[in-house]
PDB file of N, CA and C in Angstrom:
ATOM      1  N   MET A   1     103.871 129.222 141.706  1.00  0.00           N
ATOM      2  CA  MET A   1     104.529 129.623 140.483  1.00  0.00           C
ATOM      3  C   MET A   1     103.855 128.883 139.328  1.00  0.00           C
ATOM      4  N   TYR A   2     103.479 129.611 138.296  1.00  0.00           N
ATOM      5  CA  TYR A   2     102.882 129.016 137.113  1.00  0.00           C
ATOM      6  C   TYR A   2     103.967 128.353 136.268  1.00  0.00           C
ATOM      7  N   PRO A   3     103.588 127.341 135.458  1.00  0.00           N
ATOM      8  CA  PRO A   3     104.616 126.649 134.653  1.00  0.00           C
ATOM      9  C   PRO A   3     105.468 127.586 133.803  1.00  0.00           C
ATOM     10  N   TYR A   4     104.871 128.580 133.164  1.00  0.00           N
ATOM     11  CA  TYR A   4     105.670 129.480 132.332  1.00  0.00           C
ATOM     12  C   TYR A   4     106.635 130.303 133.183  1.00  0.00           C
ATOM     13  N   GLU A   5     106.242 130.644 134.418  1.00  0.00           N
ATOM     14  CA  GLU A   5     107.139 131.379 135.310  1.00  0.00           C
ATOM     15  C   GLU A   5     108.320 130.502 135.717  1.00  0.00           C
ATOM     16  N   PHE A   6     108.035 129.233 136.004  1.00  0.00           N
ATOM     17  CA  PHE A   6     109.082 128.264 136.343  1.00  0.00           C
ATOM     18  C   PHE A   6     110.084 128.177 135.195  1.00  0.00           C
ATOM     19  N   ASP A   7     109.573 127.968 133.987  1.00  0.00           N
ATOM     20  CA  ASP A   7     110.432 127.823 132.806  1.00  0.00           C
ATOM     21  C   ASP A   7     111.289 129.073 132.595  1.00  0.00           C
ATOM     22  N   ASN A   8     110.680 130.245 132.679  1.00  0.00           N
ATOM     23  CA  ASN A   8     111.412 131.499 132.472  1.00  0.00           C
ATOM     24  C   ASN A   8     112.444 131.739 133.561  1.00  0.00           C
ATOM     25  N   PHE A   9     112.111 131.412 134.800  1.00  0.00           N
ATOM     26  CA  PHE A   9     113.030 131.625 135.921  1.00  0.00           C
ATOM     27  C   PHE A   9     114.338 130.875 135.704  1.00  0.00           C
ATOM     28  N   PHE A  10     114.259 129.593 135.368  1.00  0.00           N
ATOM     29  CA  PHE A  10     115.484 128.807 135.205  1.00  0.00           C
ATOM     30  C   PHE A  10     116.187 129.093 133.883  1.00  0.00           C
ATOM     31  N   ALA A  11     115.440 129.451 132.841  1.00  0.00           N
ATOM     32  CA  ALA A  11     116.049 129.754 131.544  1.00  0.00           C
ATOM     33  C   ALA A  11     116.770 131.094 131.577  1.00  0.00           C
ATOM     34  N   SER A  12     116.110 132.128 132.059  1.00  0.00           N
ATOM     35  CA  SER A  12     116.716 133.459 132.023  1.00  0.00           C
ATOM     36  C   SER A  12     117.657 133.701 133.200  1.00  0.00           C
ATOM     37  N   GLY A  13     117.315 133.204 134.371  1.00  0.00           N
ATOM     38  CA  GLY A  13     118.139 133.461 135.546  1.00  0.00           C
ATOM     39  C   GLY A  13     119.365 132.578 135.650  1.00  0.00           C
ATOM     40  N   PHE A  14     119.275 131.344 135.124  1.00  0.00           N
ATOM     41  CA  PHE A  14     120.371 130.394 135.311  1.00  0.00           C
ATOM     42  C   PHE A  14     120.818 129.717 134.018  1.00  0.00           C
ATOM     43  N   GLU A  15     120.173 130.052 132.910  1.00  0.00           N
ATOM     44  CA  GLU A  15     120.474 129.451 131.606  1.00  0.00           C
ATOM     45  C   GLU A  15     120.411 127.933 131.648  1.00  0.00           C
ATOM     46  N   LEU A  16     119.397 127.415 132.319  1.00  0.00           N
ATOM     47  CA  LEU A  16     119.171 125.972 132.417  1.00  0.00           C
ATOM     48  C   LEU A  16     117.986 125.577 131.549  1.00  0.00           C
ATOM     49  N   PRO A  17     118.012 124.374 130.973  1.00  0.00           N
ATOM     50  CA  PRO A  17     116.914 123.930 130.117  1.00  0.00           C
ATOM     51  C   PRO A  17     115.721 123.364 130.885  1.00  0.00           C
ATOM     52  N   TRP A  18     115.715 123.491 132.207  1.00  0.00           N
ATOM     53  CA  TRP A  18     114.669 122.892 133.025  1.00  0.00           C
ATOM     54  C   TRP A  18     113.304 123.472 132.693  1.00  0.00           C
ATOM     55  N   LYS A  19     112.317 122.592 132.650  1.00  0.00           N
ATOM     56  CA  LYS A  19     110.930 122.977 132.381  1.00  0.00           C
ATOM     57  C   LYS A  19     110.031 122.380 133.454  1.00  0.00           C
ATOM     58  N   SER A  20     108.922 123.028 133.671  1.00  0.00           N
ATOM     59  CA  SER A  20     107.927 122.529 134.604  1.00  0.00           C
ATOM     60  C   SER A  20     107.393 121.191 134.094  1.00  0.00           C
ATOM     61  N   GLY A  21     107.383 120.184 134.966  1.00  0.00           N
ATOM     62  CA  GLY A  21     106.932 118.851 134.571  1.00  0.00           C
ATOM     63  C   GLY A  21     105.594 118.500 135.176  1.00  0.00           C
ATOM     64  N   ASP A  22     105.385 117.217 135.384  1.00  0.00           N
ATOM     65  CA  ASP A  22     104.135 116.720 135.952  1.00  0.00           C
ATOM     66  C   ASP A  22     104.023 117.104 137.424  1.00  0.00           C
ATOM     67  N   TYR A  23     102.795 117.096 137.917  1.00  0.00           N
ATOM     68  CA  TYR A  23     102.545 117.391 139.329  1.00  0.00           C
ATOM     69  C   TYR A  23     101.693 116.261 139.894  1.00  0.00           C
ATOM     70  N   HIS A  24     102.319 115.415 140.708  1.00  0.00           N
ATOM     71  CA  HIS A  24     101.601 114.292 141.318  1.00  0.00           C
ATOM     72  C   HIS A  24     102.439 113.669 142.418  1.00  0.00           C
ATOM     73  N   ARG A  25     101.849 112.721 143.131  1.00  0.00           N
ATOM     74  CA  ARG A  25     102.531 111.969 144.182  1.00  0.00           C
ATOM     75  C   ARG A  25     103.003 110.641 143.609  1.00  0.00           C
ATOM     76  N   THR A  26     104.226 110.255 143.993  1.00  0.00           N
ATOM     77  CA  THR A  26     104.762 108.944 143.647  1.00  0.00           C
ATOM     78  C   THR A  26     105.920 108.629 144.591  1.00  0.00           C
ATOM     79  N   GLU A  27     106.526 107.477 144.402  1.00  0.00           N
ATOM     80  CA  GLU A  27     107.659 107.024 145.219  1.00  0.00           C
ATOM     81  C   GLU A  27     108.964 107.431 144.526  1.00  0.00           C
ATOM     82  N   PHE A  28     109.899 108.029 145.305  1.00  0.00           N
ATOM     83  CA  PHE A  28     111.183 108.483 144.769  1.00  0.00           C
ATOM     84  C   PHE A  28     112.341 107.847 145.528  1.00  0.00           C
ATOM     85  N   GLU A  29     113.505 107.808 144.856  1.00  0.00           N
ATOM     86  CA  GLU A  29     114.713 107.297 145.488  1.00  0.00           C
ATOM     87  C   GLU A  29     115.907 108.152 145.081  1.00  0.00           C
ATOM     88  N   PHE A  30     116.958 108.073 145.878  1.00  0.00           N
ATOM     89  CA  PHE A  30     118.201 108.806 145.626  1.00  0.00           C
ATOM     90  C   PHE A  30     118.859 108.288 144.352  1.00  0.00           C
ATOM     91  N   ASN A  31     119.323 109.198 143.520  1.00  0.00           N
ATOM     92  CA  ASN A  31     120.033 108.881 142.283  1.00  0.00           C
ATOM     93  C   ASN A  31     121.525 108.888 142.585  1.00  0.00           C
ATOM     94  N   ARG A  32     122.120 107.724 142.699  1.00  0.00           N
ATOM     95  CA  ARG A  32     123.530 107.610 143.094  1.00  0.00           C
ATOM     96  C   ARG A  32     124.507 108.175 142.065  1.00  0.00           C
ATOM     97  N   SER A  33     124.051 108.442 140.853  1.00  0.00           N
ATOM     98  CA  SER A  33     124.955 109.002 139.844  1.00  0.00           C
ATOM     99  C   SER A  33     124.874 110.528 139.773  1.00  0.00           C
ATOM    100  N   CYS A  34     124.164 111.153 140.687  1.00  0.00           N
ATOM    101  CA  CYS A  34     124.079 112.613 140.673  1.00  0.00           C
ATOM    102  C   CYS A  34     125.351 113.225 141.268  1.00  0.00           C
ATOM    103  N   VAL A  35     125.527 114.508 141.036  1.00  0.00           N
ATOM    104  CA  VAL A  35     126.642 115.256 141.607  1.00  0.00           C
ATOM    105  C   VAL A  35     126.056 116.133 142.717  1.00  0.00           C
ATOM    106  N   LEU A  36     126.551 115.947 143.933  1.00  0.00           N
ATOM    107  CA  LEU A  36     126.058 116.691 145.089  1.00  0.00           C
ATOM    108  C   LEU A  36     127.020 117.803 145.489  1.00  0.00           C
ATOM    109  N   PRO A  37     126.515 118.810 146.196  1.00  0.00           N
ATOM    110  CA  PRO A  37     127.411 119.857 146.696  1.00  0.00           C
ATOM    111  C   PRO A  37     128.453 119.267 147.644  1.00  0.00           C
ATOM    112  N   GLN A  38     129.624 119.866 147.684  1.00  0.00           N
ATOM    113  CA  GLN A  38     130.669 119.418 148.603  1.00  0.00           C
ATOM    114  C   GLN A  38     130.141 119.483 150.032  1.00  0.00           C
ATOM    115  N   GLY A  39     130.390 118.432 150.801  1.00  0.00           N
ATOM    116  CA  GLY A  39     129.944 118.372 152.184  1.00  0.00           C
ATOM    117  C   GLY A  39     128.579 117.745 152.382  1.00  0.00           C
ATOM    118  N   ALA A  40     127.866 117.468 151.290  1.00  0.00           N
ATOM    119  CA  ALA A  40     126.546 116.824 151.425  1.00  0.00           C
ATOM    120  C   ALA A  40     126.722 115.451 152.064  1.00  0.00           C
ATOM    121  N   MET A  41     125.803 115.086 152.943  1.00  0.00           N
ATOM    122  CA  MET A  41     125.898 113.829 153.696  1.00  0.00           C
ATOM    123  C   MET A  41     124.903 112.815 153.139  1.00  0.00           C
ATOM    124  N   THR A  42     125.363 111.968 152.221  1.00  0.00           N
ATOM    125  CA  THR A  42     124.465 110.990 151.624  1.00  0.00           C
ATOM    126  C   THR A  42     123.995 109.942 152.624  1.00  0.00           C
ATOM    127  N   SER A  43     124.752 109.732 153.704  1.00  0.00           N
ATOM    128  CA  SER A  43     124.366 108.724 154.692  1.00  0.00           C
ATOM    129  C   SER A  43     123.064 109.078 155.408  1.00  0.00           C
ATOM    130  N   SER A  44     122.702 110.349 155.433  1.00  0.00           N
ATOM    131  CA  SER A  44     121.463 110.725 156.118  1.00  0.00           C
ATOM    132  C   SER A  44     120.305 110.990 155.156  1.00  0.00           C
ATOM    133  N   LEU A  45     120.525 110.723 153.864  1.00  0.00           N
ATOM    134  CA  LEU A  45     119.419 110.851 152.918  1.00  0.00           C
ATOM    135  C   LEU A  45     118.413 109.726 153.168  1.00  0.00           C
ATOM    136  N   PRO A  46     117.127 110.005 153.008  1.00  0.00           N
ATOM    137  CA  PRO A  46     116.128 108.962 153.238  1.00  0.00           C
ATOM    138  C   PRO A  46     116.148 107.914 152.140  1.00  0.00           C
ATOM    139  N   GLY A  47     115.664 106.726 152.479  1.00  0.00           N
ATOM    140  CA  GLY A  47     115.466 105.695 151.470  1.00  0.00           C
ATOM    141  C   GLY A  47     114.277 106.093 150.606  1.00  0.00           C
ATOM    142  N   PRO A  48     113.826 105.215 149.741  1.00  0.00           N
ATOM    143  CA  PRO A  48     112.674 105.569 148.911  1.00  0.00           C
ATOM    144  C   PRO A  48     111.513 106.067 149.771  1.00  0.00           C
ATOM    145  N   TYR A  49     110.885 107.144 149.321  1.00  0.00           N
ATOM    146  CA  TYR A  49     109.722 107.661 150.038  1.00  0.00           C
ATOM    147  C   TYR A  49     108.760 108.334 149.073  1.00  0.00           C
ATOM    148  N   SER A  50     107.523 108.433 149.496  1.00  0.00           N
ATOM    149  CA  SER A  50     106.447 108.994 148.694  1.00  0.00           C
ATOM    150  C   SER A  50     106.340 110.490 148.950  1.00  0.00           C
ATOM    151  N   MET A  51     106.173 111.270 147.865  1.00  0.00           N
ATOM    152  CA  MET A  51     105.941 112.700 148.014  1.00  0.00           C
ATOM    153  C   MET A  51     105.163 113.224 146.823  1.00  0.00           C
ATOM    154  N   LYS A  52     104.428 114.300 147.062  1.00  0.00           N
ATOM    155  CA  LYS A  52     103.727 115.003 145.995  1.00  0.00           C
ATOM    156  C   LYS A  52     104.593 116.179 145.603  1.00  0.00           C
ATOM    157  N   THR A  53     104.872 116.306 144.313  1.00  0.00           N
ATOM    158  CA  THR A  53     105.839 117.312 143.885  1.00  0.00           C
ATOM    159  C   THR A  53     105.607 117.758 142.447  1.00  0.00           C
ATOM    160  N   LEU A  54     106.141 118.924 142.150  1.00  0.00           N
ATOM    161  CA  LEU A  54     106.229 119.375 140.771  1.00  0.00           C
ATOM    162  C   LEU A  54     107.526 118.801 140.222  1.00  0.00           C
ATOM    163  N   HIS A  55     107.425 117.943 139.236  1.00  0.00           N
ATOM    164  CA  HIS A  55     108.603 117.328 138.629  1.00  0.00           C
ATOM    165  C   HIS A  55     109.306 118.317 137.705  1.00  0.00           C
ATOM    166  N   ILE A  56     110.545 118.021 137.364  1.00  0.00           N
ATOM    167  CA  ILE A  56     111.338 118.871 136.484  1.00  0.00           C
ATOM    168  C   ILE A  56     111.728 118.081 135.246  1.00  0.00           C
ATOM    169  N   LYS A  57     111.387 118.639 134.084  1.00  0.00           N
ATOM    170  CA  LYS A  57     111.778 118.040 132.810  1.00  0.00           C
ATOM    171  C   LYS A  57     113.090 118.666 132.341  1.00  0.00           C
ATOM    172  N   ASN A  58     113.823 117.933 131.543  1.00  0.00           N
ATOM    173  CA  ASN A  58     115.055 118.385 130.880  1.00  0.00           C
ATOM    174  C   ASN A  58     116.251 118.562 131.804  1.00  0.00           C
ATOM    175  N   ALA A  59     116.181 118.058 133.029  1.00  0.00           N
ATOM    176  CA  ALA A  59     117.368 118.090 133.891  1.00  0.00           C
ATOM    177  C   ALA A  59     118.343 117.034 133.372  1.00  0.00           C
ATOM    178  N   ARG A  60     119.612 117.345 133.408  1.00  0.00           N
ATOM    179  CA  ARG A  60     120.621 116.385 132.962  1.00  0.00           C
ATOM    180  C   ARG A  60     120.789 115.304 134.036  1.00  0.00           C
ATOM    181  N   PRO A  61     121.223 114.093 133.641  1.00  0.00           N
ATOM    182  CA  PRO A  61     121.305 112.975 134.598  1.00  0.00           C
ATOM    183  C   PRO A  61     122.059 113.298 135.879  1.00  0.00           C
ATOM    184  N   HIS A  62     123.169 114.016 135.815  1.00  0.00           N
ATOM    185  CA  HIS A  62     123.948 114.310 137.020  1.00  0.00           C
ATOM    186  C   HIS A  62     123.283 115.355 137.915  1.00  0.00           C
ATOM    187  N   GLU A  63     122.248 116.047 137.413  1.00  0.00           N
ATOM    188  CA  GLU A  63     121.524 117.048 138.194  1.00  0.00           C
ATOM    189  C   GLU A  63     120.351 116.450 138.981  1.00  0.00           C
ATOM    190  N   LYS A  64     119.964 115.257 138.641  1.00  0.00           N
ATOM    191  CA  LYS A  64     118.786 114.630 139.250  1.00  0.00           C
ATOM    192  C   LYS A  64     119.165 113.946 140.561  1.00  0.00           C
ATOM    193  N   ILE A  65     118.780 114.550 141.672  1.00  0.00           N
ATOM    194  CA  ILE A  65     119.154 114.018 142.979  1.00  0.00           C
ATOM    195  C   ILE A  65     118.180 112.935 143.430  1.00  0.00           C
ATOM    196  N   PHE A  66     116.896 113.163 143.246  1.00  0.00           N
ATOM    197  CA  PHE A  66     115.886 112.135 143.534  1.00  0.00           C
ATOM    198  C   PHE A  66     115.067 111.921 142.274  1.00  0.00           C
ATOM    199  N   VAL A  67     114.858 110.655 141.949  1.00  0.00           N
ATOM    200  CA  VAL A  67     114.127 110.268 140.741  1.00  0.00           C
ATOM    201  C   VAL A  67     113.060 109.237 141.109  1.00  0.00           C
ATOM    202  N   PRO A  68     112.050 109.068 140.243  1.00  0.00           N
ATOM    203  CA  PRO A  68     111.041 108.043 140.526  1.00  0.00           C
ATOM    204  C   PRO A  68     111.679 106.656 140.610  1.00  0.00           C
ATOM    205  N   VAL A  69     111.176 105.824 141.524  1.00  0.00           N
ATOM    206  CA  VAL A  69     111.661 104.444 141.610  1.00  0.00           C
ATOM    207  C   VAL A  69     111.288 103.719 140.323  1.00  0.00           C
ATOM    208  N   ARG A  70     111.948 102.611 140.068  1.00  0.00           N
ATOM    209  CA  ARG A  70     111.660 101.823 138.874  1.00  0.00           C
ATOM    210  C   ARG A  70     110.191 101.405 138.872  1.00  0.00           C
ATOM    211  N   ASN A  71     109.547 101.538 137.749  1.00  0.00           N
ATOM    212  CA  ASN A  71     108.129 101.206 137.560  1.00  0.00           C
ATOM    213  C   ASN A  71     107.202 102.017 138.466  1.00  0.00           C
ATOM    214  N   ALA A  72     107.595 103.244 138.798  1.00  0.00           N
ATOM    215  CA  ALA A  72     106.771 104.112 139.651  1.00  0.00           C
ATOM    216  C   ALA A  72     105.428 104.391 138.985  1.00  0.00           C
ATOM    217  N   ARG A  73     104.417 104.547 139.838  1.00  0.00           N
ATOM    218  CA  ARG A  73     103.080 104.885 139.379  1.00  0.00           C
ATOM    219  C   ARG A  73     102.571 106.039 140.232  1.00  0.00           C
ATOM    220  N   THR A  74     101.685 106.835 139.659  1.00  0.00           N
ATOM    221  CA  THR A  74     101.112 107.933 140.426  1.00  0.00           C
ATOM    222  C   THR A  74     100.327 107.366 141.602  1.00  0.00           C
ATOM    223  N   GLN A  75     100.245 108.136 142.668  1.00  0.00           N
ATOM    224  CA  GLN A  75      99.510 107.742 143.869  1.00  0.00           C
ATOM    225  C   GLN A  75      98.439 108.794 144.129  1.00  0.00           C
ATOM    226  N   SER A  76      97.186 108.351 144.202  1.00  0.00           N
ATOM    227  CA  SER A  76      96.076 109.272 144.406  1.00  0.00           C
ATOM    228  C   SER A  76      94.945 108.551 145.113  1.00  0.00           C
ATOM    229  N   HIS A  77      94.197 109.294 145.928  1.00  0.00           N
ATOM    230  CA  HIS A  77      93.024 108.722 146.584  1.00  0.00           C
ATOM    231  C   HIS A  77      91.803 108.771 145.661  1.00  0.00           C
ATOM    232  N   VAL A  78      91.880 109.548 144.581  1.00  0.00           N
ATOM    233  CA  VAL A  78      90.717 109.713 143.712  1.00  0.00           C
ATOM    234  C   VAL A  78      90.937 109.268 142.264  1.00  0.00           C
ATOM    235  N   LEU A  79      92.173 109.155 141.826  1.00  0.00           N
ATOM    236  CA  LEU A  79      92.462 108.755 140.450  1.00  0.00           C
ATOM    237  C   LEU A  79      93.194 107.423 140.434  1.00  0.00           C
ATOM    238  N   PRO A  80      92.997 106.622 139.380  1.00  0.00           N
ATOM    239  CA  PRO A  80      93.716 105.344 139.307  1.00  0.00           C
ATOM    240  C   PRO A  80      95.210 105.574 139.071  1.00  0.00           C
ATOM    241  N   PRO A  81      96.061 104.649 139.547  1.00  0.00           N
ATOM    242  CA  PRO A  81      97.504 104.801 139.324  1.00  0.00           C
ATOM    243  C   PRO A  81      97.838 104.708 137.838  1.00  0.00           C
ATOM    244  N   THR A  82      98.759 105.555 137.415  1.00  0.00           N
ATOM    245  CA  THR A  82      99.239 105.530 136.030  1.00  0.00           C
ATOM    246  C   THR A  82     100.759 105.532 136.059  1.00  0.00           C
ATOM    247  N   PRO A  83     101.403 105.039 134.986  1.00  0.00           N
ATOM    248  CA  PRO A  83     102.867 105.040 134.954  1.00  0.00           C
ATOM    249  C   PRO A  83     103.429 106.456 135.058  1.00  0.00           C
ATOM    250  N   VAL A  84     104.596 106.568 135.681  1.00  0.00           N
ATOM    251  CA  VAL A  84     105.282 107.846 135.869  1.00  0.00           C
ATOM    252  C   VAL A  84     106.379 107.974 134.822  1.00  0.00           C
ATOM    253  N   ASP A  85     106.562 109.176 134.302  1.00  0.00           N
ATOM    254  CA  ASP A  85     107.637 109.452 133.351  1.00  0.00           C
ATOM    255  C   ASP A  85     108.970 109.379 134.101  1.00  0.00           C
ATOM    256  N   PRO A  86     109.795 108.358 133.857  1.00  0.00           N
ATOM    257  CA  PRO A  86     111.037 108.192 134.618  1.00  0.00           C
ATOM    258  C   PRO A  86     112.128 109.206 134.275  1.00  0.00           C
ATOM    259  N   THR A  87     111.926 110.032 133.254  1.00  0.00           N
ATOM    260  CA  THR A  87     112.948 111.012 132.872  1.00  0.00           C
ATOM    261  C   THR A  87     112.847 112.302 133.676  1.00  0.00           C
ATOM    262  N   GLN A  88     111.753 112.466 134.423  1.00  0.00           N
ATOM    263  CA  GLN A  88     111.573 113.689 135.196  1.00  0.00           C
ATOM    264  C   GLN A  88     112.173 113.533 136.582  1.00  0.00           C
ATOM    265  N   ALA A  89     112.766 114.607 137.074  1.00  0.00           N
ATOM    266  CA  ALA A  89     113.464 114.582 138.359  1.00  0.00           C
ATOM    267  C   ALA A  89     112.625 115.186 139.466  1.00  0.00           C
ATOM    268  N   ARG A  90     112.954 114.806 140.678  1.00  0.00           N
ATOM    269  CA  ARG A  90     112.316 115.354 141.872  1.00  0.00           C
ATOM    270  C   ARG A  90     113.154 116.476 142.448  1.00  0.00           C
ATOM    271  N   TYR A  91     114.420 116.236 142.618  1.00  0.00           N
ATOM    272  CA  TYR A  91     115.310 117.264 143.190  1.00  0.00           C
ATOM    273  C   TYR A  91     116.420 117.545 142.211  1.00  0.00           C
ATOM    274  N   VAL A  92     116.761 118.774 142.065  1.00  0.00           N
ATOM    275  CA  VAL A  92     117.935 119.182 141.305  1.00  0.00           C
ATOM    276  C   VAL A  92     118.645 120.324 142.007  1.00  0.00           C
ATOM    277  N   ALA A  93     118.183 120.784 143.094  1.00  0.00           N
ATOM    278  CA  ALA A  93     118.582 121.943 143.883  1.00  0.00           C
ATOM    279  C   ALA A  93     117.425 122.909 143.850  1.00  0.00           C
ATOM    280  N   TYR A  94     116.309 122.396 143.462  1.00  0.00           N
ATOM    281  CA  TYR A  94     115.022 123.078 143.539  1.00  0.00           C
ATOM    282  C   TYR A  94     114.141 122.113 144.309  1.00  0.00           C
ATOM    283  N   CYS A  95     113.422 122.574 145.290  1.00  0.00           N
ATOM    284  CA  CYS A  95     112.564 121.698 146.070  1.00  0.00           C
ATOM    285  C   CYS A  95     111.121 121.939 145.666  1.00  0.00           C
ATOM    286  N   GLY A  96     110.535 120.962 144.991  1.00  0.00           N
ATOM    287  CA  GLY A  96     109.161 121.086 144.522  1.00  0.00           C
ATOM    288  C   GLY A  96     108.157 120.419 145.426  1.00  0.00           C
ATOM    289  N   ASP A  97     108.569 119.976 146.594  1.00  0.00           N
ATOM    290  CA  ASP A  97     107.679 119.275 147.523  1.00  0.00           C
ATOM    291  C   ASP A  97     106.557 120.205 147.956  1.00  0.00           C
ATOM    292  N   ALA A  98     105.328 119.828 147.665  1.00  0.00           N
ATOM    293  CA  ALA A  98     104.171 120.679 147.968  1.00  0.00           C
ATOM    294  C   ALA A  98     103.644 120.490 149.381  1.00  0.00           C
ATOM    295  N   ASN A  99     104.016 119.407 150.048  1.00  0.00           N
ATOM    296  CA  ASN A  99     103.426 119.093 151.349  1.00  0.00           C
ATOM    297  C   ASN A  99     104.435 118.959 152.482  1.00  0.00           C
ATOM    298  N   ALA A 100     105.645 119.420 152.295  1.00  0.00           N
ATOM    299  CA  ALA A 100     106.677 119.378 153.335  1.00  0.00           C
ATOM    300  C   ALA A 100     106.793 117.990 153.971  1.00  0.00           C
ATOM    301  N   GLU A 101     107.107 117.004 153.142  1.00  0.00           N
ATOM    302  CA  GLU A 101     107.268 115.632 153.618  1.00  0.00           C
ATOM    303  C   GLU A 101     108.503 115.538 154.512  1.00  0.00           C
ATOM    304  N   GLU A 102     108.467 114.672 155.497  1.00  0.00           N
ATOM    305  CA  GLU A 102     109.592 114.497 156.420  1.00  0.00           C
ATOM    306  C   GLU A 102     110.864 114.118 155.667  1.00  0.00           C
ATOM    307  N   GLY A 103     110.745 113.244 154.670  1.00  0.00           N
ATOM    308  CA  GLY A 103     111.912 112.858 153.878  1.00  0.00           C
ATOM    309  C   GLY A 103     112.541 114.047 153.172  1.00  0.00           C
ATOM    310  N   SER A 104     111.724 114.984 152.724  1.00  0.00           N
ATOM    311  CA  SER A 104     112.259 116.170 152.046  1.00  0.00           C
ATOM    312  C   SER A 104     113.093 117.016 152.989  1.00  0.00           C
ATOM    313  N   ASP A 105     112.659 117.123 154.242  1.00  0.00           N
ATOM    314  CA  ASP A 105     113.459 117.850 155.231  1.00  0.00           C
ATOM    315  C   ASP A 105     114.838 117.215 155.368  1.00  0.00           C
ATOM    316  N   LYS A 106     114.880 115.880 155.390  1.00  0.00           N
ATOM    317  CA  LYS A 106     116.162 115.178 155.508  1.00  0.00           C
ATOM    318  C   LYS A 106     117.048 115.442 154.291  1.00  0.00           C
ATOM    319  N   VAL A 107     116.444 115.484 153.108  1.00  0.00           N
ATOM    320  CA  VAL A 107     117.217 115.761 151.895  1.00  0.00           C
ATOM    321  C   VAL A 107     117.839 117.145 151.978  1.00  0.00           C
ATOM    322  N   ILE A 108     117.062 118.133 152.331  1.00  0.00           N
ATOM    323  CA  ILE A 108     117.565 119.502 152.393  1.00  0.00           C
ATOM    324  C   ILE A 108     118.680 119.629 153.433  1.00  0.00           C
ATOM    325  N   LEU A 109     118.484 119.046 154.604  1.00  0.00           N
ATOM    326  CA  LEU A 109     119.525 119.086 155.631  1.00  0.00           C
ATOM    327  C   LEU A 109     120.793 118.377 155.145  1.00  0.00           C
ATOM    328  N   SER A 110     120.639 117.234 154.480  1.00  0.00           N
ATOM    329  CA  SER A 110     121.792 116.489 153.962  1.00  0.00           C
ATOM    330  C   SER A 110     122.568 117.293 152.943  1.00  0.00           C
ATOM    331  N   LEU A 111     121.853 117.997 152.057  1.00  0.00           N
ATOM    332  CA  LEU A 111     122.519 118.811 151.047  1.00  0.00           C
ATOM    333  C   LEU A 111     123.281 119.974 151.669  1.00  0.00           C
ATOM    334  N   CYS A 112     122.871 120.357 152.861  1.00  0.00           N
ATOM    335  CA  CYS A 112     123.569 121.426 153.598  1.00  0.00           C
ATOM    336  C   CYS A 112     124.682 120.860 154.476  1.00  0.00           C
ATOM    337  N   GLY A 113     124.890 119.548 154.428  1.00  0.00           N
ATOM    338  CA  GLY A 113     125.933 118.920 155.242  1.00  0.00           C
ATOM    339  C   GLY A 113     125.521 118.669 156.666  1.00  0.00           C
ATOM    340  N   LEU A 114     124.205 118.639 156.929  1.00  0.00           N
ATOM    341  CA  LEU A 114     123.694 118.421 158.286  1.00  0.00           C
ATOM    342  C   LEU A 114     122.953 117.095 158.368  1.00  0.00           C
ATOM    343  N   ARG A 115     122.921 116.524 159.544  1.00  0.00           N
ATOM    344  CA  ARG A 115     122.158 115.274 159.761  1.00  0.00           C
ATOM    345  C   ARG A 115     120.716 115.620 160.067  1.00  0.00           C
ATOM    346  N   GLY A 116     119.806 114.844 159.440  1.00  0.00           N
ATOM    347  CA  GLY A 116     118.380 115.079 159.655  1.00  0.00           C
ATOM    348  C   GLY A 116     117.781 114.191 160.694  1.00  0.00           C
TER     349      GLY A 116
END
């Protein structure tokens, strides 16, 4: 999905201000102040883990399920680490994981009320 398609999908289909954000790998952690679906099992959510993802800009704080860890930096085998924008979210009920990380599977199962 191209960035403009992402932006249009959430704006027109769901009236959300979400925009396509950065695309890179970094370390993420569960945002304890988010609002989860009823029945979600936070006990089976993974601890901080690294994933490559399309970040989401303009998500409200309670919508951000996974966020960059404090002082997160990009992770790359070819580029130097740079600071990560801490306002961008990893999960909001959209899964931007590009590489099907094991931790992401656990997040999705947890949001469905299942143990991973």
